[in-house]
Each structure stands twice: as C-alpha cells, then as structure tokens.
Amino acid sequence: AAKAALIALLKKEEQTQSSITLPS
C-alpha cells in the first residue's frame, strides 16, 4: 500500500496493483 501510494503521488495515476520484494 505504501509503495502504491508513493507511486500514485509521483505519477498522479490510480494504482491497481503493487509489486514488492519479500525478505526472501
């Protein structure tokens, strides 16, 4: 959610998915 929010803030685009890297 945090990554999507920052991208949305920078790009001014609605986010429908967010890809993150797990500790693994």
mmCIF file of all heavy atoms, coordinates in Angstrom:
data_MODEL
# 
_entry.id   MODEL 
# 
loop_
_atom_site.group_PDB 
_atom_site.id 
_atom_site.type_symbol 
_atom_site.label_atom_id 
_atom_site.label_alt_id 
_atom_site.label_comp_id 
_atom_site.label_asym_id 
_atom_site.label_entity_id 
_atom_site.label_seq_id 
_atom_site.pdbx_PDB_ins_code 
_atom_site.Cartn_x 
_atom_site.Cartn_y 
_atom_site.Cartn_z 
_atom_site.occupancy 
_atom_site.B_iso_or_equiv 
_atom_site.pdbx_formal_charge 
_atom_site.auth_seq_id 
_atom_site.auth_comp_id 
_atom_site.auth_asym_id 
_atom_site.auth_atom_id 
_atom_site.pdbx_PDB_model_num 
ATOM 1   N N   . ALA A 1 1  ? 0.827  -1.206  0.000   1.00 0.00 ? 1  ALA A N   1 
ATOM 2   C CA  . ALA A 1 1  ? 0.000  0.000   0.000   1.00 0.00 ? 1  ALA A CA  1 
ATOM 3   C C   . ALA A 1 1  ? 0.864  1.261   0.000   1.00 0.00 ? 1  ALA A C   1 
ATOM 4   O O   . ALA A 1 1  ? 0.578  2.231   -0.714  1.00 0.00 ? 1  ALA A O   1 
ATOM 5   C CB  . ALA A 1 1  ? -0.928 -0.010  1.211   1.00 0.00 ? 1  ALA A CB  1 
ATOM 6   N N   . ALA A 1 2  ? 1.949  1.261   0.794   1.00 0.00 ? 2  ALA A N   1 
ATOM 7   C CA  . ALA A 1 2  ? 2.822  2.429   0.868   1.00 0.00 ? 2  ALA A CA  1 
ATOM 8   C C   . ALA A 1 2  ? 3.525  2.673   -0.462  1.00 0.00 ? 2  ALA A C   1 
ATOM 9   O O   . ALA A 1 2  ? 3.631  3.824   -0.924  1.00 0.00 ? 2  ALA A O   1 
ATOM 10  C CB  . ALA A 1 2  ? 3.838  2.247   1.989   1.00 0.00 ? 2  ALA A CB  1 
ATOM 11  N N   . LYS A 1 3  ? 4.013  1.611   -1.089  1.00 0.00 ? 3  LYS A N   1 
ATOM 12  C CA  . LYS A 1 3  ? 4.686  1.772   -2.377  1.00 0.00 ? 3  LYS A CA  1 
ATOM 13  C C   . LYS A 1 3  ? 3.709  2.306   -3.418  1.00 0.00 ? 3  LYS A C   1 
ATOM 14  O O   . LYS A 1 3  ? 4.037  3.214   -4.192  1.00 0.00 ? 3  LYS A O   1 
ATOM 15  C CB  . LYS A 1 3  ? 5.271  0.441   -2.832  1.00 0.00 ? 3  LYS A CB  1 
ATOM 16  C CG  . LYS A 1 3  ? 6.030  0.547   -4.165  1.00 0.00 ? 3  LYS A CG  1 
ATOM 17  C CD  . LYS A 1 3  ? 6.671  -0.770  -4.564  1.00 0.00 ? 3  LYS A CD  1 
ATOM 18  C CE  . LYS A 1 3  ? 7.456  -0.639  -5.862  1.00 0.00 ? 3  LYS A CE  1 
ATOM 19  N NZ  . LYS A 1 3  ? 8.096  -1.915  -6.253  1.00 0.00 ? 3  LYS A NZ  1 
ATOM 20  N N   . ALA A 1 4  ? 2.502  1.747   -3.436  1.00 0.00 ? 4  ALA A N   1 
ATOM 21  C CA  . ALA A 1 4  ? 1.491  2.221   -4.391  1.00 0.00 ? 4  ALA A CA  1 
ATOM 22  C C   . ALA A 1 4  ? 1.156  3.686   -4.157  1.00 0.00 ? 4  ALA A C   1 
ATOM 23  O O   . ALA A 1 4  ? 0.987  4.464   -5.107  1.00 0.00 ? 4  ALA A O   1 
ATOM 24  C CB  . ALA A 1 4  ? 0.238  1.352   -4.289  1.00 0.00 ? 4  ALA A CB  1 
ATOM 25  N N   . ALA A 1 5  ? 1.076  4.072   -2.886  1.00 0.00 ? 5  ALA A N   1 
ATOM 26  C CA  . ALA A 1 5  ? 0.737  5.464   -2.566  1.00 0.00 ? 5  ALA A CA  1 
ATOM 27  C C   . ALA A 1 5  ? 1.818  6.423   -3.048  1.00 0.00 ? 5  ALA A C   1 
ATOM 28  O O   . ALA A 1 5  ? 1.518  7.497   -3.589  1.00 0.00 ? 5  ALA A O   1 
ATOM 29  C CB  . ALA A 1 5  ? 0.522  5.613   -1.063  1.00 0.00 ? 5  ALA A CB  1 
ATOM 30  N N   . LEU A 1 6  ? 3.087  6.056   -2.863  1.00 0.00 ? 6  LEU A N   1 
ATOM 31  C CA  . LEU A 1 6  ? 4.155  6.947   -3.314  1.00 0.00 ? 6  LEU A CA  1 
ATOM 32  C C   . LEU A 1 6  ? 4.157  7.064   -4.838  1.00 0.00 ? 6  LEU A C   1 
ATOM 33  O O   . LEU A 1 6  ? 4.316  8.162   -5.385  1.00 0.00 ? 6  LEU A O   1 
ATOM 34  C CB  . LEU A 1 6  ? 5.505  6.444   -2.815  1.00 0.00 ? 6  LEU A CB  1 
ATOM 35  C CG  . LEU A 1 6  ? 6.716  7.279   -3.241  1.00 0.00 ? 6  LEU A CG  1 
ATOM 36  C CD1 . LEU A 1 6  ? 6.560  8.732   -2.823  1.00 0.00 ? 6  LEU A CD1 1 
ATOM 37  C CD2 . LEU A 1 6  ? 8.014  6.692   -2.679  1.00 0.00 ? 6  LEU A CD2 1 
ATOM 38  N N   . ILE A 1 7  ? 3.968  5.943   -5.528  1.00 0.00 ? 7  ILE A N   1 
ATOM 39  C CA  . ILE A 1 7  ? 3.919  5.993   -6.995  1.00 0.00 ? 7  ILE A CA  1 
ATOM 40  C C   . ILE A 1 7  ? 2.733  6.828   -7.453  1.00 0.00 ? 7  ILE A C   1 
ATOM 41  O O   . ILE A 1 7  ? 2.840  7.633   -8.388  1.00 0.00 ? 7  ILE A O   1 
ATOM 42  C CB  . ILE A 1 7  ? 3.851  4.572   -7.577  1.00 0.00 ? 7  ILE A CB  1 
ATOM 43  C CG1 . ILE A 1 7  ? 5.155  3.825   -7.294  1.00 0.00 ? 7  ILE A CG1 1 
ATOM 44  C CG2 . ILE A 1 7  ? 3.605  4.614   -9.085  1.00 0.00 ? 7  ILE A CG2 1 
ATOM 45  C CD1 . ILE A 1 7  ? 5.130  2.369   -7.705  1.00 0.00 ? 7  ILE A CD1 1 
ATOM 46  N N   . ALA A 1 8  ? 1.591  6.651   -6.784  1.00 0.00 ? 8  ALA A N   1 
ATOM 47  C CA  . ALA A 1 8  ? 0.405  7.449   -7.125  1.00 0.00 ? 8  ALA A CA  1 
ATOM 48  C C   . ALA A 1 8  ? 0.672  8.930   -6.908  1.00 0.00 ? 8  ALA A C   1 
ATOM 49  O O   . ALA A 1 8  ? 0.236  9.782   -7.699  1.00 0.00 ? 8  ALA A O   1 
ATOM 50  C CB  . ALA A 1 8  ? -0.788 6.989   -6.285  1.00 0.00 ? 8  ALA A CB  1 
ATOM 51  N N   . LEU A 1 9  ? 1.393  9.255   -5.849  1.00 0.00 ? 9  LEU A N   1 
ATOM 52  C CA  . LEU A 1 9  ? 1.705  10.651  -5.551  1.00 0.00 ? 9  LEU A CA  1 
ATOM 53  C C   . LEU A 1 9  ? 2.613  11.251  -6.616  1.00 0.00 ? 9  LEU A C   1 
ATOM 54  O O   . LEU A 1 9  ? 2.426  12.400  -7.051  1.00 0.00 ? 9  LEU A O   1 
ATOM 55  C CB  . LEU A 1 9  ? 2.366  10.736  -4.176  1.00 0.00 ? 9  LEU A CB  1 
ATOM 56  C CG  . LEU A 1 9  ? 2.719  12.127  -3.654  1.00 0.00 ? 9  LEU A CG  1 
ATOM 57  C CD1 . LEU A 1 9  ? 1.481  12.994  -3.509  1.00 0.00 ? 9  LEU A CD1 1 
ATOM 58  C CD2 . LEU A 1 9  ? 3.459  12.016  -2.323  1.00 0.00 ? 9  LEU A CD2 1 
ATOM 59  N N   . LEU A 1 10 ? 3.583  10.480  -7.059  1.00 0.00 ? 10 LEU A N   1 
ATOM 60  C CA  . LEU A 1 10 ? 4.553  10.983  -8.031  1.00 0.00 ? 10 LEU A CA  1 
ATOM 61  C C   . LEU A 1 10 ? 3.988  11.041  -9.445  1.00 0.00 ? 10 LEU A C   1 
ATOM 62  O O   . LEU A 1 10 ? 4.254  11.979  -10.200 1.00 0.00 ? 10 LEU A O   1 
ATOM 63  C CB  . LEU A 1 10 ? 5.806  10.112  -8.020  1.00 0.00 ? 10 LEU A CB  1 
ATOM 64  C CG  . LEU A 1 10 ? 6.588  10.071  -6.702  1.00 0.00 ? 10 LEU A CG  1 
ATOM 65  C CD1 . LEU A 1 10 ? 7.730  9.082   -6.800  1.00 0.00 ? 10 LEU A CD1 1 
ATOM 66  C CD2 . LEU A 1 10 ? 7.109  11.455  -6.332  1.00 0.00 ? 10 LEU A CD2 1 
ATOM 67  N N   . LYS A 1 11 ? 3.207  10.030  -9.808  1.00 0.00 ? 11 LYS A N   1 
ATOM 68  C CA  . LYS A 1 11 ? 2.719  9.925   -11.186 1.00 0.00 ? 11 LYS A CA  1 
ATOM 69  C C   . LYS A 1 11 ? 1.308  10.455  -11.372 1.00 0.00 ? 11 LYS A C   1 
ATOM 70  O O   . LYS A 1 11 ? 0.848  10.593  -12.512 1.00 0.00 ? 11 LYS A O   1 
ATOM 71  C CB  . LYS A 1 11 ? 2.786  8.465   -11.644 1.00 0.00 ? 11 LYS A CB  1 
ATOM 72  C CG  . LYS A 1 11 ? 4.186  7.875   -11.627 1.00 0.00 ? 11 LYS A CG  1 
ATOM 73  C CD  . LYS A 1 11 ? 4.223  6.465   -12.183 1.00 0.00 ? 11 LYS A CD  1 
ATOM 74  C CE  . LYS A 1 11 ? 4.009  6.445   -13.690 1.00 0.00 ? 11 LYS A CE  1 
ATOM 75  N NZ  . LYS A 1 11 ? 4.206  5.095   -14.262 1.00 0.00 ? 11 LYS A NZ  1 
ATOM 76  N N   . LYS A 1 12 ? 0.610  10.714  -10.251 1.00 0.00 ? 12 LYS A N   1 
ATOM 77  C CA  . LYS A 1 12 ? -0.786 11.184  -10.319 1.00 0.00 ? 12 LYS A CA  1 
ATOM 78  C C   . LYS A 1 12 ? -1.655 10.208  -11.103 1.00 0.00 ? 12 LYS A C   1 
ATOM 79  O O   . LYS A 1 12 ? -2.517 10.596  -11.886 1.00 0.00 ? 12 LYS A O   1 
ATOM 80  C CB  . LYS A 1 12 ? -0.869 12.588  -10.948 1.00 0.00 ? 12 LYS A CB  1 
ATOM 81  C CG  . LYS A 1 12 ? -0.005 13.635  -10.283 1.00 0.00 ? 12 LYS A CG  1 
ATOM 82  C CD  . LYS A 1 12 ? -0.380 13.828  -8.826  1.00 0.00 ? 12 LYS A CD  1 
ATOM 83  C CE  . LYS A 1 12 ? 0.478  14.900  -8.156  1.00 0.00 ? 12 LYS A CE  1 
ATOM 84  N NZ  . LYS A 1 12 ? 0.221  14.994  -6.707  1.00 0.00 ? 12 LYS A NZ  1 
ATOM 85  N N   . GLU A 1 13 ? -1.404 8.907   -10.867 1.00 0.00 ? 13 GLU A N   1 
ATOM 86  C CA  . GLU A 1 13 ? -2.169 7.859   -11.542 1.00 0.00 ? 13 GLU A CA  1 
ATOM 87  C C   . GLU A 1 13 ? -2.712 6.882   -10.513 1.00 0.00 ? 13 GLU A C   1 
ATOM 88  O O   . GLU A 1 13 ? -2.043 6.551   -9.536  1.00 0.00 ? 13 GLU A O   1 
ATOM 89  C CB  . GLU A 1 13 ? -1.284 7.092   -12.531 1.00 0.00 ? 13 GLU A CB  1 
ATOM 90  C CG  . GLU A 1 13 ? -0.787 7.918   -13.705 1.00 0.00 ? 13 GLU A CG  1 
ATOM 91  C CD  . GLU A 1 13 ? 0.151  7.125   -14.605 1.00 0.00 ? 13 GLU A CD  1 
ATOM 92  O OE1 . GLU A 1 13 ? 0.412  5.941   -14.291 1.00 0.00 ? 13 GLU A OE1 1 
ATOM 93  O OE2 . GLU A 1 13 ? 0.628  7.693   -15.608 1.00 0.00 ? 13 GLU A OE2 1 
ATOM 94  N N   . GLU A 1 14 ? -3.934 6.424   -10.760 1.00 0.00 ? 14 GLU A N   1 
ATOM 95  C CA  . GLU A 1 14 ? -4.529 5.410   -9.887  1.00 0.00 ? 14 GLU A CA  1 
ATOM 96  C C   . GLU A 1 14 ? -3.736 4.115   -9.991  1.00 0.00 ? 14 GLU A C   1 
ATOM 97  O O   . GLU A 1 14 ? -3.313 3.715   -11.075 1.00 0.00 ? 14 GLU A O   1 
ATOM 98  C CB  . GLU A 1 14 ? -5.982 5.162   -10.283 1.00 0.00 ? 14 GLU A CB  1 
ATOM 99  C CG  . GLU A 1 14 ? -6.686 4.147   -9.397  1.00 0.00 ? 14 GLU A CG  1 
ATOM 100 C CD  . GLU A 1 14 ? -8.139 3.938   -9.782  1.00 0.00 ? 14 GLU A CD  1 
ATOM 101 O OE1 . GLU A 1 14 ? -8.582 4.569   -10.768 1.00 0.00 ? 14 GLU A OE1 1 
ATOM 102 O OE2 . GLU A 1 14 ? -8.815 3.132   -9.110  1.00 0.00 ? 14 GLU A OE2 1 
ATOM 103 N N   . GLN A 1 15 ? -3.543 3.458   -8.853  1.00 0.00 ? 15 GLN A N   1 
ATOM 104 C CA  . GLN A 1 15 ? -2.798 2.201   -8.806  1.00 0.00 ? 15 GLN A CA  1 
ATOM 105 C C   . GLN A 1 15 ? -3.761 1.026   -8.602  1.00 0.00 ? 15 GLN A C   1 
ATOM 106 O O   . GLN A 1 15 ? -4.658 1.105   -7.754  1.00 0.00 ? 15 GLN A O   1 
ATOM 107 C CB  . GLN A 1 15 ? -1.774 2.227   -7.672  1.00 0.00 ? 15 GLN A CB  1 
ATOM 108 C CG  . GLN A 1 15 ? -0.765 3.369   -7.765  1.00 0.00 ? 15 GLN A CG  1 
ATOM 109 C CD  . GLN A 1 15 ? 0.090  3.278   -9.007  1.00 0.00 ? 15 GLN A CD  1 
ATOM 110 O OE1 . GLN A 1 15 ? 0.845  2.319   -9.183  1.00 0.00 ? 15 GLN A OE1 1 
ATOM 111 N NE2 . GLN A 1 15 ? -0.013 4.280   -9.873  1.00 0.00 ? 15 GLN A NE2 1 
ATOM 112 N N   . THR A 1 16 ? -3.574 -0.023  -9.380  1.00 0.00 ? 16 THR A N   1 
ATOM 113 C CA  . THR A 1 16 ? -4.426 -1.202  -9.253  1.00 0.00 ? 16 THR A CA  1 
ATOM 114 C C   . THR A 1 16 ? -3.666 -2.407  -8.690  1.00 0.00 ? 16 THR A C   1 
ATOM 115 O O   . THR A 1 16 ? -4.291 -3.375  -8.261  1.00 0.00 ? 16 THR A O   1 
ATOM 116 C CB  . THR A 1 16 ? -5.029 -1.594  -10.611 1.00 0.00 ? 16 THR A CB  1 
ATOM 117 O OG1 . THR A 1 16 ? -3.961 -1.841  -11.537 1.00 0.00 ? 16 THR A OG1 1 
ATOM 118 C CG2 . THR A 1 16 ? -5.912 -0.468  -11.139 1.00 0.00 ? 16 THR A CG2 1 
ATOM 119 N N   . GLN A 1 17 ? -2.346 -2.351  -8.706  1.00 0.00 ? 17 GLN A N   1 
ATOM 120 C CA  . GLN A 1 17 ? -1.541 -3.419  -8.128  1.00 0.00 ? 17 GLN A CA  1 
ATOM 121 C C   . GLN A 1 17 ? -0.205 -2.860  -7.683  1.00 0.00 ? 17 GLN A C   1 
ATOM 122 O O   . GLN A 1 17 ? 0.213  -1.777  -8.111  1.00 0.00 ? 17 GLN A O   1 
ATOM 123 C CB  . GLN A 1 17 ? -1.341 -4.566  -9.110  1.00 0.00 ? 17 GLN A CB  1 
ATOM 124 C CG  . GLN A 1 17 ? -0.611 -4.179  -10.385 1.00 0.00 ? 17 GLN A CG  1 
ATOM 125 C CD  . GLN A 1 17 ? -0.495 -5.343  -11.354 1.00 0.00 ? 17 GLN A CD  1 
ATOM 126 O OE1 . GLN A 1 17 ? -1.290 -6.270  -11.321 1.00 0.00 ? 17 GLN A OE1 1 
ATOM 127 N NE2 . GLN A 1 17 ? 0.527  -5.305  -12.206 1.00 0.00 ? 17 GLN A NE2 1 
ATOM 128 N N   . SER A 1 18 ? 0.455  -3.616  -6.818  1.00 0.00 ? 18 SER A N   1 
ATOM 129 C CA  . SER A 1 18 ? 1.729  -3.159  -6.266  1.00 0.00 ? 18 SER A CA  1 
ATOM 130 C C   . SER A 1 18 ? 2.661  -4.345  -6.117  1.00 0.00 ? 18 SER A C   1 
ATOM 131 O O   . SER A 1 18 ? 2.317  -5.339  -5.471  1.00 0.00 ? 18 SER A O   1 
ATOM 132 C CB  . SER A 1 18 ? 1.505  -2.502  -4.901  1.00 0.00 ? 18 SER A CB  1 
ATOM 133 O OG  . SER A 1 18 ? 2.719  -2.024  -4.354  1.00 0.00 ? 18 SER A OG  1 
ATOM 134 N N   . SER A 1 19 ? 3.833  -4.265  -6.725  1.00 0.00 ? 19 SER A N   1 
ATOM 135 C CA  . SER A 1 19 ? 4.825  -5.340  -6.661  1.00 0.00 ? 19 SER A CA  1 
ATOM 136 C C   . SER A 1 19 ? 5.884  -4.999  -5.625  1.00 0.00 ? 19 SER A C   1 
ATOM 137 O O   . SER A 1 19 ? 6.468  -3.914  -5.666  1.00 0.00 ? 19 SER A O   1 
ATOM 138 C CB  . SER A 1 19 ? 5.479  -5.548  -8.029  1.00 0.00 ? 19 SER A CB  1 
ATOM 139 O OG  . SER A 1 19 ? 4.530  -5.963  -8.988  1.00 0.00 ? 19 SER A OG  1 
ATOM 140 N N   . ILE A 1 20 ? 6.110  -5.916  -4.715  1.00 0.00 ? 20 ILE A N   1 
ATOM 141 C CA  . ILE A 1 20 ? 7.090  -5.697  -3.653  1.00 0.00 ? 20 ILE A CA  1 
ATOM 142 C C   . ILE A 1 20 ? 8.020  -6.908  -3.552  1.00 0.00 ? 20 ILE A C   1 
ATOM 143 O O   . ILE A 1 20 ? 7.697  -7.996  -4.032  1.00 0.00 ? 20 ILE A O   1 
ATOM 144 C CB  . ILE A 1 20 ? 6.412  -5.449  -2.289  1.00 0.00 ? 20 ILE A CB  1 
ATOM 145 C CG1 . ILE A 1 20 ? 5.606  -6.684  -1.862  1.00 0.00 ? 20 ILE A CG1 1 
ATOM 146 C CG2 . ILE A 1 20 ? 5.525  -4.210  -2.350  1.00 0.00 ? 20 ILE A CG2 1 
ATOM 147 C CD1 . ILE A 1 20 ? 5.080  -6.617  -0.433  1.00 0.00 ? 20 ILE A CD1 1 
ATOM 148 N N   . THR A 1 21 ? 9.155  -6.708  -2.909  1.00 0.00 ? 21 THR A N   1 
ATOM 149 C CA  . THR A 1 21 ? 10.120 -7.789  -2.707  1.00 0.00 ? 21 THR A CA  1 
ATOM 150 C C   . THR A 1 21 ? 10.055 -8.261  -1.266  1.00 0.00 ? 21 THR A C   1 
ATOM 151 O O   . THR A 1 21 ? 10.181 -7.461  -0.337  1.00 0.00 ? 21 THR A O   1 
ATOM 152 C CB  . THR A 1 21 ? 11.543 -7.318  -3.037  1.00 0.00 ? 21 THR A CB  1 
ATOM 153 O OG1 . THR A 1 21 ? 11.576 -6.865  -4.403  1.00 0.00 ? 21 THR A OG1 1 
ATOM 154 C CG2 . THR A 1 21 ? 12.544 -8.450  -2.870  1.00 0.00 ? 21 THR A CG2 1 
ATOM 155 N N   . LEU A 1 22 ? 9.853  -9.560  -1.090  1.00 0.00 ? 22 LEU A N   1 
ATOM 156 C CA  . LEU A 1 22 ? 9.803  -10.144 0.245   1.00 0.00 ? 22 LEU A CA  1 
ATOM 157 C C   . LEU A 1 22 ? 11.215 -10.275 0.816   1.00 0.00 ? 22 LEU A C   1 
ATOM 158 O O   . LEU A 1 22 ? 12.203 -10.201 0.080   1.00 0.00 ? 22 LEU A O   1 
ATOM 159 C CB  . LEU A 1 22 ? 9.149  -11.525 0.182   1.00 0.00 ? 22 LEU A CB  1 
ATOM 160 C CG  . LEU A 1 22 ? 7.693  -11.571 -0.284  1.00 0.00 ? 22 LEU A CG  1 
ATOM 161 C CD1 . LEU A 1 22 ? 7.225  -13.027 -0.360  1.00 0.00 ? 22 LEU A CD1 1 
ATOM 162 C CD2 . LEU A 1 22 ? 6.791  -10.775 0.637   1.00 0.00 ? 22 LEU A CD2 1 
ATOM 163 N N   . PRO A 1 23 ? 11.340 -10.488 2.125   1.00 0.00 ? 23 PRO A N   1 
ATOM 164 C CA  . PRO A 1 23 ? 12.670 -10.705 2.706   1.00 0.00 ? 23 PRO A CA  1 
ATOM 165 C C   . PRO A 1 23 ? 13.420 -11.868 2.068   1.00 0.00 ? 23 PRO A C   1 
ATOM 166 O O   . PRO A 1 23 ? 14.649 -11.904 2.102   1.00 0.00 ? 23 PRO A O   1 
ATOM 167 C CB  . PRO A 1 23 ? 12.357 -10.987 4.180   1.00 0.00 ? 23 PRO A CB  1 
ATOM 168 C CG  . PRO A 1 23 ? 11.086 -10.223 4.436   1.00 0.00 ? 23 PRO A CG  1 
ATOM 169 C CD  . PRO A 1 23 ? 10.298 -10.348 3.161   1.00 0.00 ? 23 PRO A CD  1 
ATOM 170 N N   . SER A 1 24 ? 12.713 -12.817 1.470   1.00 0.00 ? 24 SER A N   1 
ATOM 171 C CA  . SER A 1 24 ? 13.349 -13.940 0.772   1.00 0.00 ? 24 SER A CA  1 
ATOM 172 C C   . SER A 1 24 ? 13.880 -13.534 -0.589  1.00 0.00 ? 24 SER A C   1 
ATOM 173 O O   . SER A 1 24 ? 14.422 -14.371 -1.311  1.00 0.00 ? 24 SER A O   1 
ATOM 174 C CB  . SER A 1 24 ? 12.343 -15.076 0.608   1.00 0.00 ? 24 SER A CB  1 
ATOM 175 O OG  . SER A 1 24 ? 11.257 -14.668 -0.218  1.00 0.00 ? 24 SER A OG  1 
# 
